[in-house]
Amino acid sequence: MEPVKRNRKSLKEITIEIDTDFIPAVALLKLAGVVESGGQASLAVEQGHITMDGVVLQEKRKKIRPGSTVVFNNQVAIHVTGAAKA
């Protein structure tokens, strides 16, 4: 699959820190506040509005790991980071 090109200058940037190995894609969208419900998140994935590291997501439960960037509707970039280990 070809990476989706986007204009990073027009994106709103959000950083989400997780303290687990991964977060499911739909849960990340809800946590970041870009959708109000899991149903809206699932629909966004089904309609191809979500990319992870430049590739269109096709799995609603895709494991998003620290270091990944998820883009919602070419408007919001969600950067996932891991919690610092003590």
N, C-alpha and C. Protein backbone atom coordinates (compact mmCIF):
# COMPACT_ATOMS: atom_id res chain seq x y z
N MET A 1 0.82 -1.17 0.00
CA MET A 1 0.00 0.00 0.00
C MET A 1 0.88 1.25 0.00
N GLU A 2 0.49 2.23 -0.77
CA GLU A 2 1.24 3.48 -0.84
C GLU A 2 0.94 4.36 0.37
N PRO A 3 1.97 5.00 0.94
CA PRO A 3 1.72 5.93 2.04
C PRO A 3 0.86 7.10 1.56
N VAL A 4 0.01 7.59 2.44
CA VAL A 4 -0.84 8.72 2.13
C VAL A 4 -0.05 9.99 2.39
N LYS A 5 -0.02 10.88 1.40
CA LYS A 5 0.69 12.14 1.57
C LYS A 5 -0.22 13.12 2.28
N ARG A 6 0.38 13.94 3.16
CA ARG A 6 -0.42 14.93 3.87
C ARG A 6 0.42 16.17 4.14
N ASN A 7 -0.25 17.27 4.33
CA ASN A 7 0.40 18.53 4.63
C ASN A 7 0.48 18.67 6.14
N ARG A 8 1.64 18.40 6.72
CA ARG A 8 1.79 18.40 8.18
C ARG A 8 1.58 19.78 8.78
N LYS A 9 1.77 20.84 8.01
CA LYS A 9 1.63 22.19 8.57
C LYS A 9 0.20 22.49 8.98
N SER A 10 -0.77 21.87 8.35
CA SER A 10 -2.17 22.18 8.65
C SER A 10 -2.77 21.25 9.71
N LEU A 11 -1.97 20.30 10.23
CA LEU A 11 -2.49 19.35 11.19
C LEU A 11 -2.41 19.88 12.62
N LYS A 12 -3.44 19.60 13.38
CA LYS A 12 -3.40 19.84 14.83
C LYS A 12 -2.61 18.69 15.42
N GLU A 13 -1.68 18.96 16.31
CA GLU A 13 -0.81 17.94 16.89
C GLU A 13 -1.26 17.61 18.32
N ILE A 14 -1.42 16.33 18.62
CA ILE A 14 -1.78 15.86 19.96
C ILE A 14 -0.78 14.76 20.34
N THR A 15 -0.32 14.78 21.57
CA THR A 15 0.54 13.71 22.06
C THR A 15 -0.19 12.96 23.15
N ILE A 16 -0.26 11.65 23.02
CA ILE A 16 -0.92 10.79 24.01
C ILE A 16 0.14 9.85 24.57
N GLU A 17 0.26 9.85 25.89
CA GLU A 17 1.20 8.94 26.55
C GLU A 17 0.43 7.75 27.09
N ILE A 18 0.92 6.55 26.76
CA ILE A 18 0.28 5.34 27.28
C ILE A 18 1.27 4.60 28.17
N ASP A 19 0.74 3.87 29.15
CA ASP A 19 1.62 3.12 30.05
C ASP A 19 1.47 1.61 29.84
N THR A 20 0.99 1.25 28.66
CA THR A 20 0.86 -0.15 28.27
C THR A 20 1.67 -0.35 26.99
N ASP A 21 1.77 -1.60 26.53
CA ASP A 21 2.53 -1.88 25.31
C ASP A 21 1.85 -1.32 24.06
N PHE A 22 0.51 -1.23 24.10
CA PHE A 22 -0.23 -0.74 22.94
C PHE A 22 -1.59 -0.24 23.39
N ILE A 23 -2.28 0.44 22.46
CA ILE A 23 -3.66 0.87 22.67
C ILE A 23 -4.41 0.58 21.37
N PRO A 24 -5.61 0.02 21.44
CA PRO A 24 -6.37 -0.22 20.21
C PRO A 24 -6.71 1.10 19.51
N ALA A 25 -6.74 1.08 18.20
CA ALA A 25 -6.97 2.29 17.41
C ALA A 25 -8.23 3.05 17.84
N VAL A 26 -9.34 2.34 18.00
CA VAL A 26 -10.58 3.04 18.36
C VAL A 26 -10.48 3.67 19.75
N ALA A 27 -9.80 3.01 20.67
CA ALA A 27 -9.62 3.58 22.02
C ALA A 27 -8.74 4.82 21.97
N LEU A 28 -7.72 4.81 21.11
CA LEU A 28 -6.85 5.98 20.97
C LEU A 28 -7.63 7.18 20.45
N LEU A 29 -8.48 6.96 19.46
CA LEU A 29 -9.27 8.07 18.91
C LEU A 29 -10.19 8.67 19.96
N LYS A 30 -10.78 7.83 20.80
CA LYS A 30 -11.64 8.33 21.87
C LYS A 30 -10.81 9.06 22.93
N LEU A 31 -9.68 8.49 23.33
CA LEU A 31 -8.82 9.09 24.34
C LEU A 31 -8.31 10.46 23.88
N ALA A 32 -7.99 10.58 22.61
CA ALA A 32 -7.49 11.85 22.07
C ALA A 32 -8.60 12.90 21.93
N GLY A 33 -9.86 12.45 22.02
CA GLY A 33 -10.98 13.38 21.94
C GLY A 33 -11.37 13.79 20.52
N VAL A 34 -10.92 13.03 19.53
CA VAL A 34 -11.27 13.38 18.15
C VAL A 34 -12.60 12.77 17.72
N VAL A 35 -13.10 11.79 18.49
CA VAL A 35 -14.43 11.23 18.29
C VAL A 35 -15.09 11.13 19.67
N GLU A 36 -16.41 11.05 19.67
CA GLU A 36 -17.14 10.98 20.94
C GLU A 36 -17.45 9.56 21.38
N SER A 37 -17.46 8.61 20.44
CA SER A 37 -17.84 7.26 20.79
C SER A 37 -17.03 6.23 20.00
N GLY A 38 -17.09 5.01 20.48
CA GLY A 38 -16.44 3.92 19.77
C GLY A 38 -17.07 3.69 18.40
N GLY A 39 -18.36 3.92 18.30
CA GLY A 39 -19.05 3.77 17.01
C GLY A 39 -18.53 4.76 15.99
N GLN A 40 -18.32 6.01 16.42
CA GLN A 40 -17.76 7.01 15.51
C GLN A 40 -16.34 6.64 15.10
N ALA A 41 -15.57 6.12 16.06
CA ALA A 41 -14.19 5.71 15.77
C ALA A 41 -14.18 4.56 14.76
N SER A 42 -15.04 3.58 14.97
CA SER A 42 -15.13 2.45 14.05
C SER A 42 -15.52 2.89 12.65
N LEU A 43 -16.47 3.80 12.57
CA LEU A 43 -16.92 4.31 11.28
C LEU A 43 -15.79 5.05 10.56
N ALA A 44 -15.02 5.83 11.29
CA ALA A 44 -13.89 6.56 10.70
C ALA A 44 -12.88 5.59 10.10
N VAL A 45 -12.61 4.49 10.81
CA VAL A 45 -11.69 3.48 10.29
C VAL A 45 -12.28 2.82 9.05
N GLU A 46 -13.55 2.42 9.12
CA GLU A 46 -14.21 1.76 7.98
C GLU A 46 -14.20 2.64 6.73
N GLN A 47 -14.34 3.95 6.92
CA GLN A 47 -14.39 4.86 5.78
C GLN A 47 -13.02 5.31 5.29
N GLY A 48 -11.95 4.82 5.94
CA GLY A 48 -10.60 5.13 5.48
C GLY A 48 -10.08 6.49 5.90
N HIS A 49 -10.63 7.05 6.99
CA HIS A 49 -10.22 8.38 7.45
C HIS A 49 -9.06 8.36 8.42
N ILE A 50 -8.54 7.18 8.73
CA ILE A 50 -7.47 7.04 9.72
C ILE A 50 -6.24 6.45 9.07
N THR A 51 -5.09 7.08 9.30
CA THR A 51 -3.83 6.51 8.85
C THR A 51 -2.92 6.32 10.05
N MET A 52 -2.06 5.31 9.96
CA MET A 52 -1.03 5.09 10.98
C MET A 52 0.31 5.08 10.27
N ASP A 53 1.16 6.00 10.63
CA ASP A 53 2.48 6.11 10.02
C ASP A 53 2.37 6.15 8.49
N GLY A 54 1.34 6.86 8.00
CA GLY A 54 1.18 7.09 6.56
C GLY A 54 0.41 6.04 5.79
N VAL A 55 -0.03 4.97 6.45
CA VAL A 55 -0.77 3.90 5.77
C VAL A 55 -2.20 3.87 6.31
N VAL A 56 -3.18 3.77 5.41
CA VAL A 56 -4.59 3.75 5.81
C VAL A 56 -4.86 2.53 6.68
N LEU A 57 -5.46 2.77 7.85
CA LEU A 57 -5.82 1.68 8.76
C LEU A 57 -7.05 0.96 8.24
N GLN A 58 -7.05 -0.34 8.38
CA GLN A 58 -8.20 -1.14 7.98
C GLN A 58 -8.71 -1.99 9.13
N GLU A 59 -8.01 -1.97 10.25
CA GLU A 59 -8.39 -2.77 11.42
C GLU A 59 -8.79 -1.84 12.57
N LYS A 60 -10.00 -1.98 13.06
CA LYS A 60 -10.47 -1.14 14.16
C LYS A 60 -9.69 -1.39 15.44
N ARG A 61 -9.30 -2.64 15.65
CA ARG A 61 -8.59 -3.01 16.89
C ARG A 61 -7.07 -3.04 16.69
N LYS A 62 -6.59 -2.38 15.64
CA LYS A 62 -5.15 -2.35 15.36
C LYS A 62 -4.41 -1.88 16.60
N LYS A 63 -3.34 -2.58 16.94
CA LYS A 63 -2.53 -2.22 18.10
C LYS A 63 -1.62 -1.07 17.75
N ILE A 64 -1.86 0.06 18.40
CA ILE A 64 -1.04 1.25 18.19
C ILE A 64 0.00 1.29 19.31
N ARG A 65 1.26 1.29 18.94
CA ARG A 65 2.34 1.23 19.91
C ARG A 65 3.05 2.58 20.02
N PRO A 66 3.74 2.81 21.16
CA PRO A 66 4.51 4.05 21.29
C PRO A 66 5.46 4.23 20.12
N GLY A 67 5.57 5.46 19.66
CA GLY A 67 6.40 5.78 18.50
C GLY A 67 5.60 5.93 17.23
N SER A 68 4.33 5.51 17.26
CA SER A 68 3.47 5.61 16.08
C SER A 68 2.76 6.95 16.04
N THR A 69 2.39 7.35 14.83
CA THR A 69 1.59 8.55 14.63
C THR A 69 0.34 8.17 13.87
N VAL A 70 -0.80 8.52 14.43
CA VAL A 70 -2.10 8.24 13.82
C VAL A 70 -2.69 9.58 13.38
N VAL A 71 -3.17 9.63 12.14
CA VAL A 71 -3.77 10.87 11.63
C VAL A 71 -5.25 10.63 11.40
N PHE A 72 -6.07 11.53 11.95
CA PHE A 72 -7.52 11.47 11.83
C PHE A 72 -7.98 12.48 10.80
N ASN A 73 -8.60 12.00 9.73
CA ASN A 73 -9.27 12.83 8.73
C ASN A 73 -8.36 13.92 8.15
N ASN A 74 -7.07 13.65 8.06
CA ASN A 74 -6.09 14.61 7.55
C ASN A 74 -6.14 15.95 8.30
N GLN A 75 -6.59 15.93 9.55
CA GLN A 75 -6.71 17.16 10.33
C GLN A 75 -5.98 17.10 11.66
N VAL A 76 -5.90 15.92 12.27
CA VAL A 76 -5.31 15.79 13.60
C VAL A 76 -4.27 14.67 13.60
N ALA A 77 -3.05 15.02 14.02
CA ALA A 77 -1.99 14.01 14.16
C ALA A 77 -1.86 13.65 15.63
N ILE A 78 -2.00 12.37 15.94
CA ILE A 78 -1.92 11.89 17.31
C ILE A 78 -0.62 11.10 17.44
N HIS A 79 0.32 11.63 18.22
CA HIS A 79 1.61 10.99 18.44
C HIS A 79 1.51 10.17 19.73
N VAL A 80 1.83 8.90 19.66
CA VAL A 80 1.73 8.02 20.82
C VAL A 80 3.12 7.84 21.41
N THR A 81 3.22 8.11 22.71
CA THR A 81 4.49 7.93 23.42
C THR A 81 4.26 6.95 24.56
N GLY A 82 5.34 6.36 25.04
CA GLY A 82 5.26 5.45 26.16
C GLY A 82 5.64 6.17 27.43
N ALA A 83 5.10 5.72 28.55
CA ALA A 83 5.45 6.29 29.85
C ALA A 83 6.88 5.92 30.20
N ALA A 84 7.57 6.86 30.83
CA ALA A 84 8.94 6.58 31.26
C ALA A 84 8.91 5.52 32.35
N LYS A 85 9.77 4.52 32.24
CA LYS A 85 9.80 3.45 33.23
C LYS A 85 10.69 3.85 34.38
N ALA A 86 10.20 3.58 35.59
CA ALA A 86 10.93 3.97 36.80
C ALA A 86 12.06 3.02 37.10
